[in-house]
Structure formats: C-alpha cells, structure tokens
Amino acid sequence: MHHSRLPMLSHLAKIHLSTAGTSVPRRTHKGTHGHVLYPSQRRQSQKPARQITAELKRKLDDSLIKAIIVDGRSFNDFSKPGIIDFLDLAIPDYRPPHRTTIRCRIQKLYAEERENLRQQLSTVQNIALTIDVWKSSSHIYYLCLSGHYFDNNYELKHNVLAFRRFIGSHTGQRLQRFLENEVEKINIQHKISATTCDNGADIRCAITASNVLGPRFSCLAHDLNLTVKNGLWLYKQPKGSEKSSTTAAATTMLKENELVEDDDDNISIADGEDVPDEIIETYLPQSEEDE
C-alpha cells in the first residue's frame, strides 16, 4: 500500500496544490511543494548542479566541430567510449554533440563560407585560376580549383574555389561544363584573366574550348619536373626484364607518359550535389545515374 502512494505523491508535488478551504486544485511550479514527498523521494528528485554553463557548452561544441574540420576526423570520433571517459574526467557534465548534429552544423558552416566567398570575390576585378587533378590510392579522382587575385591594398590573395570528387566517363567536354558551372556559382565568369593547368589532353581541350576560362597557361613547375625526369632518365626499370637498362628505361618512360595522359583524362562530372540536373542527365550514363 505504501508503494502504491509514491507515484501519486510525486504527481502532487510536481503539479498540483490543494488550497485550504477548497477542493479545486491549481497548477503550480515543479518542485515548489516537495514537502508532501517522503525524504527518499526528495533525495531522488534533486538534480545535480551543472558543472558547465550554457556558454561554455557552446564554446566546447564549436571547438569540437572545428577540430573535426581541421584534422579531418570522422563525425563520431568524440562519441567513442575512450573519448567519453576522458571527457568525463577532464570536463565533467559535458556531452559531445551527436554526429547528426555535427553534420548539420558543418553543412551550415559550409553554406556560410560559400556565401562569404561570393561576397569577397564580388569586389575583385580580375582573377586567375589554377586547376589540378589527381587520383587517390583507391582510384578516386579529385579536382581542386583555386583563385588568385589582388585585393584593394594590392596584396596577393588565394582561395580554394572548389574541391570535388569525379565519377563517370572522362571527357574534356564534361570537364568544361563542370568548371564553367563552378565559376558561375560564385559569379566570377566575367572576371577570369587566365587559367593555369598541366598538359592533360582533357584539361587543354576544356579550357581552350571555353569562352569563360580565359587563355590557358601550362604549369611551369609541371613542365620543369617532366623535363628533368626525361633528361636524367629518372625511371624505374620493369622487374624481371631482360632488356638493357637503356631500352628498359626508354620503355618505362613511354609507358609513364601514356599513364600521365590517361590519369589526366580520367575526369568526369562532379557529384550531383552541386551540379545542375541537366548536366547529369546529359552526360552521365544510365548506370551511373542509378548510383
């Protein structure tokens, strides 16, 4: 009988108060009339005092998200048991945000940075572009588009305008459409003075055929590297080859030159997240659209 009264007493203490001389209950603040509870109930209902303020919690969350961005950490790194135990000792009462919250925050930060970039480039009169493409160890192709310009104080500034992953077939036409789409999104299509890239056939075709990307200049560092490599015969000999060292080096040089052309040509439209639907529908094969 005693235990059956506990929920009712808790309800009375949290919600209702019977006034003297009337049976009409009125609502009151939680915990105001805890005197109707048993001592054990009062001890259980007491919440521990917070160890960190809301302002400190906000600063810690901001710093955590910045660490994930700067260090390239996964979104759930700070939710793993070892990190949780460390945080319990270092910062009691702090709980890291959920990975879904982190993802939403990073998406919001990305949108804000993109808008800041548009505003920053709105006052620029002329801008030069550099483009580089490379392949990861997992055979995924990436492209980085950078902008270089002088500000109002004639100081040279640099910004990453796009960093994208590519899928699908590799043609200069698709690369051209992608690059033009990227510069149009930040409203610099009429400000481009020149574009520098390597000697890949697809990039040459994309920039030369475009009326937006300006004249093309070959990357001097890339040309110098190829010149030294070819001039000094800095090539590995194929394993198990019975050819002479000179013949083997020449064969390897030709193969690597072909690979350079193939690697530079392995470029396709970027992920559909930032590309107009008509581009994807026009250029992506049906199998890749399903992906």
Protein backbone atom coordinates (compact mmCIF):
# COMPACT_ATOMS: atom_id res chain seq x y z
CA MET A 1 0.00 0.00 0.00
CA HIS A 2 2.88 2.28 0.81
CA HIS A 3 4.48 1.84 -2.61
CA SER A 4 1.22 2.50 -4.45
CA ARG A 5 1.11 6.03 -2.99
CA LEU A 6 4.55 7.06 -4.26
CA PRO A 7 3.55 7.98 -7.83
CA MET A 8 0.56 9.93 -6.55
CA LEU A 9 2.71 11.90 -4.08
CA SER A 10 5.22 12.68 -6.80
CA HIS A 11 2.43 13.92 -9.03
CA LEU A 12 1.03 16.15 -6.27
CA ALA A 13 4.45 17.59 -5.50
CA LYS A 14 5.24 18.39 -9.12
CA ILE A 15 1.90 19.54 -10.49
CA HIS A 16 -0.92 20.18 -8.03
CA LEU A 17 -1.53 22.00 -4.77
CA SER A 18 -4.80 21.68 -2.85
CA THR A 19 -5.65 25.08 -1.44
CA ALA A 20 -7.12 25.44 2.03
CA GLY A 21 -10.94 25.51 2.19
CA THR A 22 -11.48 24.27 -1.39
CA SER A 23 -11.12 21.04 -3.28
CA VAL A 24 -10.28 22.75 -6.58
CA PRO A 25 -6.65 22.01 -7.48
CA ARG A 26 -4.49 24.62 -9.12
CA ARG A 27 -1.28 24.20 -11.10
CA THR A 28 1.99 25.26 -9.52
CA HIS A 29 5.67 25.15 -10.35
CA LYS A 30 7.56 21.90 -10.30
CA GLY A 31 9.24 21.12 -7.03
CA THR A 32 7.67 24.06 -5.16
CA HIS A 33 5.77 21.82 -2.75
CA GLY A 34 8.14 18.92 -2.31
CA HIS A 35 7.16 18.77 1.38
CA VAL A 36 4.47 16.18 0.51
CA LEU A 37 7.18 13.73 -0.60
CA TYR A 38 8.90 11.17 1.54
CA PRO A 39 12.56 12.02 2.36
CA SER A 40 13.81 9.31 -0.02
CA GLN A 41 11.72 10.81 -2.84
CA ARG A 42 13.10 14.28 -2.20
CA ARG A 43 16.65 12.96 -2.43
CA GLN A 44 15.87 11.18 -5.70
CA SER A 45 14.24 14.25 -7.23
CA GLN A 46 17.21 16.52 -6.55
CA LYS A 47 19.18 17.13 -9.75
CA PRO A 48 22.95 17.56 -9.54
CA ALA A 49 24.19 21.06 -10.23
CA ARG A 50 25.56 21.61 -13.74
CA GLN A 51 29.33 21.77 -13.92
CA ILE A 52 29.42 23.83 -17.13
CA THR A 53 27.38 26.80 -18.25
CA ALA A 54 25.45 27.02 -21.49
CA GLU A 55 28.03 29.48 -22.83
CA LEU A 56 30.90 27.08 -22.10
CA LYS A 57 28.93 24.22 -23.68
CA ARG A 58 28.51 26.29 -26.85
CA LYS A 59 32.23 27.12 -26.98
CA LEU A 60 33.19 23.48 -26.46
CA ASP A 61 30.85 22.37 -29.24
CA ASP A 62 32.27 24.98 -31.61
CA SER A 63 35.83 23.93 -30.79
CA LEU A 64 34.95 20.25 -31.26
CA ILE A 65 33.47 20.88 -34.71
CA LYS A 66 36.49 22.97 -35.69
CA ALA A 67 38.80 20.11 -34.62
CA ILE A 68 36.85 17.68 -36.82
CA ILE A 69 37.18 20.00 -39.82
CA VAL A 70 40.86 20.90 -39.33
CA ASP A 71 42.05 17.37 -38.50
CA GLY A 72 39.73 15.55 -40.90
CA ARG A 73 38.18 13.46 -38.14
CA SER A 74 35.06 11.32 -38.52
CA PHE A 75 31.85 12.73 -37.09
CA ASN A 76 31.57 10.12 -34.33
CA ASP A 77 35.17 10.28 -33.05
CA PHE A 78 34.13 12.22 -29.97
CA SER A 79 31.34 9.76 -29.17
CA LYS A 80 33.61 6.73 -28.77
CA PRO A 81 33.93 5.16 -25.30
CA GLY A 82 37.55 6.15 -24.72
CA ILE A 83 36.95 9.81 -25.57
CA ILE A 84 33.77 9.85 -23.45
CA ASP A 85 35.72 8.52 -20.44
CA PHE A 86 38.40 11.16 -20.95
CA LEU A 87 35.85 13.97 -21.24
CA ASP A 88 34.06 12.77 -18.10
CA LEU A 89 37.32 13.23 -16.23
CA ALA A 90 38.52 16.40 -17.94
CA ILE A 91 35.19 18.22 -18.34
CA PRO A 92 32.52 16.69 -16.10
CA ASP A 93 28.91 17.11 -17.26
CA TYR A 94 29.93 17.78 -20.89
CA ARG A 95 28.44 15.59 -23.59
CA PRO A 96 29.66 15.98 -27.19
CA PRO A 97 27.01 16.66 -29.85
CA HIS A 98 25.62 13.73 -31.82
CA ARG A 99 27.09 13.02 -35.24
CA THR A 100 23.84 14.14 -36.89
CA THR A 101 24.11 17.49 -35.13
CA ILE A 102 27.75 17.76 -36.20
CA ARG A 103 26.86 17.04 -39.82
CA CYS A 104 24.12 19.70 -39.82
CA ARG A 105 26.46 22.23 -38.24
CA ILE A 106 29.19 21.56 -40.81
CA GLN A 107 26.70 21.87 -43.66
CA LYS A 108 25.60 25.21 -42.27
CA LEU A 109 29.21 26.37 -41.91
CA TYR A 110 29.93 25.33 -45.50
CA ALA A 111 26.97 27.36 -46.78
CA GLU A 112 28.13 30.37 -44.76
CA GLU A 113 31.69 30.10 -46.08
CA ARG A 114 30.46 29.83 -49.66
CA GLU A 115 28.38 32.96 -49.23
CA ASN A 116 31.33 34.78 -47.64
CA LEU A 117 33.46 33.74 -50.62
CA ARG A 118 30.91 35.17 -53.06
CA GLN A 119 30.83 38.44 -51.15
CA GLN A 120 34.63 38.59 -51.00
CA LEU A 121 35.01 38.00 -54.74
CA SER A 122 32.27 40.47 -55.65
CA THR A 123 34.76 43.36 -55.37
CA VAL A 124 37.51 41.61 -57.34
CA GLN A 125 38.11 42.94 -60.85
CA ASN A 126 40.36 40.18 -62.23
CA ILE A 127 41.13 36.68 -61.01
CA ALA A 128 43.44 33.94 -62.29
CA LEU A 129 42.64 30.25 -61.87
CA THR A 130 44.78 27.18 -61.27
CA ILE A 131 43.48 23.64 -61.73
CA ASP A 132 44.97 20.36 -60.57
CA VAL A 133 43.68 16.81 -60.80
CA TRP A 134 44.93 13.73 -59.04
CA LYS A 135 43.93 10.16 -58.22
CA SER A 136 43.77 8.71 -54.70
CA SER A 137 45.10 5.28 -53.71
CA SER A 138 41.53 3.99 -54.03
CA HIS A 139 41.39 5.22 -57.66
CA ILE A 140 39.04 8.12 -56.96
CA TYR A 141 39.69 11.29 -58.93
CA TYR A 142 39.63 14.75 -57.40
CA LEU A 143 39.90 18.25 -58.81
CA CYS A 144 40.94 21.41 -56.99
CA LEU A 145 40.11 24.83 -58.45
CA SER A 146 41.93 27.79 -56.87
CA GLY A 147 41.66 31.53 -57.42
CA HIS A 148 44.45 34.12 -57.20
CA TYR A 149 43.87 37.88 -57.18
CA PHE A 150 44.90 41.22 -55.68
CA ASP A 151 42.74 42.92 -53.08
CA ASN A 152 42.17 46.68 -52.74
CA ASN A 153 45.52 47.00 -50.94
CA TYR A 154 47.32 45.20 -53.79
CA GLU A 155 48.02 42.17 -51.62
CA LEU A 156 48.01 38.79 -53.35
CA LYS A 157 45.20 36.57 -52.09
CA HIS A 158 44.44 32.89 -52.69
CA ASN A 159 41.19 30.98 -52.23
CA VAL A 160 40.07 27.42 -52.88
CA LEU A 161 37.03 27.85 -55.11
CA ALA A 162 36.10 24.17 -55.48
CA PHE A 163 37.35 20.80 -54.30
CA ARG A 164 35.39 17.99 -55.91
CA ARG A 165 35.28 14.25 -56.50
CA PHE A 166 34.62 12.98 -60.02
CA ILE A 167 32.71 9.97 -61.32
CA GLY A 168 31.82 8.63 -64.75
CA SER A 169 33.48 8.97 -68.14
CA HIS A 170 36.40 11.31 -68.71
CA THR A 171 35.98 13.86 -71.46
CA GLY A 172 37.14 17.42 -71.92
CA GLN A 173 33.56 18.47 -72.66
CA ARG A 174 32.30 17.30 -69.27
CA LEU A 175 35.23 18.95 -67.53
CA GLN A 176 34.49 22.19 -69.36
CA ARG A 177 30.84 22.13 -68.28
CA PHE A 178 31.83 21.45 -64.69
CA LEU A 179 34.41 24.24 -64.50
CA GLU A 180 32.07 26.77 -66.08
CA ASN A 181 29.35 25.76 -63.64
CA GLU A 182 31.69 26.25 -60.68
CA VAL A 183 32.78 29.76 -61.66
CA GLU A 184 29.19 30.77 -62.40
CA LYS A 185 28.08 29.70 -58.92
CA ILE A 186 30.42 32.28 -57.37
CA ASN A 187 29.80 34.92 -60.05
CA ILE A 188 33.33 35.26 -61.44
CA GLN A 189 32.67 34.08 -65.01
CA HIS A 190 33.36 37.58 -66.38
CA LYS A 191 36.47 38.22 -64.26
CA ILE A 192 38.80 35.37 -65.25
CA SER A 193 42.04 36.63 -66.80
CA ALA A 194 43.80 33.26 -67.31
CA THR A 195 43.84 29.62 -66.24
CA THR A 196 46.93 27.55 -65.43
CA CYS A 197 46.93 23.75 -65.56
CA ASP A 198 49.09 20.79 -66.56
CA ASN A 199 49.27 19.28 -70.04
CA GLY A 200 46.49 16.72 -69.79
CA ALA A 201 44.62 16.41 -73.07
CA ASP A 202 41.19 16.78 -71.47
CA ILE A 203 42.11 19.89 -69.49
CA ARG A 204 43.67 21.51 -72.53
CA CYS A 205 40.53 20.76 -74.51
CA ALA A 206 38.22 22.05 -71.76
CA ILE A 207 39.98 25.39 -71.28
CA THR A 208 40.70 26.01 -74.96
CA ALA A 209 37.08 25.38 -75.96
CA SER A 210 35.66 27.57 -73.20
CA ASN A 211 34.80 31.24 -73.67
CA VAL A 212 34.77 31.76 -69.89
CA LEU A 213 38.02 30.31 -68.54
CA GLY A 214 40.36 32.69 -70.37
CA PRO A 215 43.66 31.81 -72.08
CA ARG A 216 45.44 28.67 -70.88
CA PHE A 217 48.98 28.64 -69.48
CA SER A 218 50.95 25.48 -68.89
CA CYS A 219 52.14 24.92 -65.32
CA LEU A 220 55.86 25.77 -65.25
CA ALA A 221 56.58 23.51 -62.27
CA HIS A 222 54.91 20.58 -64.02
CA ASP A 223 56.86 21.22 -67.22
CA LEU A 224 60.15 21.54 -65.33
CA ASN A 225 59.52 18.29 -63.48
CA LEU A 226 58.87 16.42 -66.73
CA THR A 227 61.93 17.99 -68.37
CA VAL A 228 64.26 16.93 -65.55
CA LYS A 229 62.69 13.49 -65.35
CA ASN A 230 63.06 12.91 -69.08
CA GLY A 231 66.53 14.48 -69.29
CA LEU A 232 68.01 12.43 -66.44
CA TRP A 233 66.12 9.23 -67.28
CA LEU A 234 64.66 9.02 -63.79
CA TYR A 235 62.51 5.94 -64.40
CA LYS A 236 62.30 2.59 -62.66
CA GLN A 237 63.22 -0.47 -64.67
CA PRO A 238 60.48 -3.11 -65.03
CA LYS A 239 61.06 -6.06 -62.68
CA GLY A 240 62.29 -9.25 -64.34
CA SER A 241 63.05 -7.51 -67.64
CA GLU A 242 65.88 -8.95 -69.76
CA LYS A 243 66.26 -5.75 -71.77
CA SER A 244 69.23 -3.50 -71.44
CA SER A 245 68.99 -0.68 -68.91
CA THR A 246 68.72 1.95 -71.65
CA THR A 247 65.96 0.12 -73.51
CA ALA A 248 64.11 -0.64 -70.28
CA ALA A 249 64.27 2.99 -69.19
CA ALA A 250 63.02 4.19 -72.56
CA THR A 251 60.14 1.71 -72.48
CA THR A 252 59.19 2.75 -68.97
CA MET A 253 59.34 6.42 -69.93
CA LEU A 254 56.92 5.86 -72.80
CA LYS A 255 54.54 3.90 -70.60
CA GLU A 256 54.58 6.52 -67.85
CA ASN A 257 53.97 9.28 -70.37
CA GLU A 258 50.92 7.35 -71.54
CA LEU A 259 49.79 6.95 -67.93
CA VAL A 260 50.09 10.69 -67.40
CA GLU A 261 47.76 11.27 -70.33
CA ASP A 262 45.36 8.59 -69.02
CA ASP A 263 45.37 9.95 -65.47
CA ASP A 264 44.77 13.49 -66.64
CA ASP A 265 41.95 12.29 -68.88
CA ASN A 266 40.17 10.35 -66.12
CA ILE A 267 37.92 13.22 -65.15
CA SER A 268 34.15 13.36 -65.11
CA ILE A 269 31.37 15.48 -63.78
CA ALA A 270 31.38 16.08 -60.03
CA ASP A 271 28.92 14.70 -57.51
CA GLY A 272 25.35 15.67 -58.30
CA GLU A 273 25.08 17.62 -55.04
CA ASP A 274 26.37 20.83 -56.61
CA VAL A 275 25.75 20.21 -60.31
CA PRO A 276 22.57 21.17 -62.21
CA ASP A 277 20.32 18.25 -63.08
CA GLU A 278 20.54 18.91 -66.81
CA ILE A 279 24.31 18.36 -66.74
CA ILE A 280 23.97 14.99 -65.04
CA GLU A 281 21.13 13.89 -67.32
CA THR A 282 23.08 14.92 -70.41
CA TYR A 283 26.44 13.37 -69.61
CA LEU A 284 26.07 10.58 -67.05
CA PRO A 285 25.42 7.05 -68.33
CA GLN A 286 22.31 5.32 -67.02
CA SER A 287 24.27 3.03 -64.71
CA GLU A 288 25.95 5.98 -63.01
CA GLU A 289 22.70 7.88 -62.61
CA ASP A 290 21.35 4.94 -60.62
CA GLU A 291 24.31 5.20 -58.27
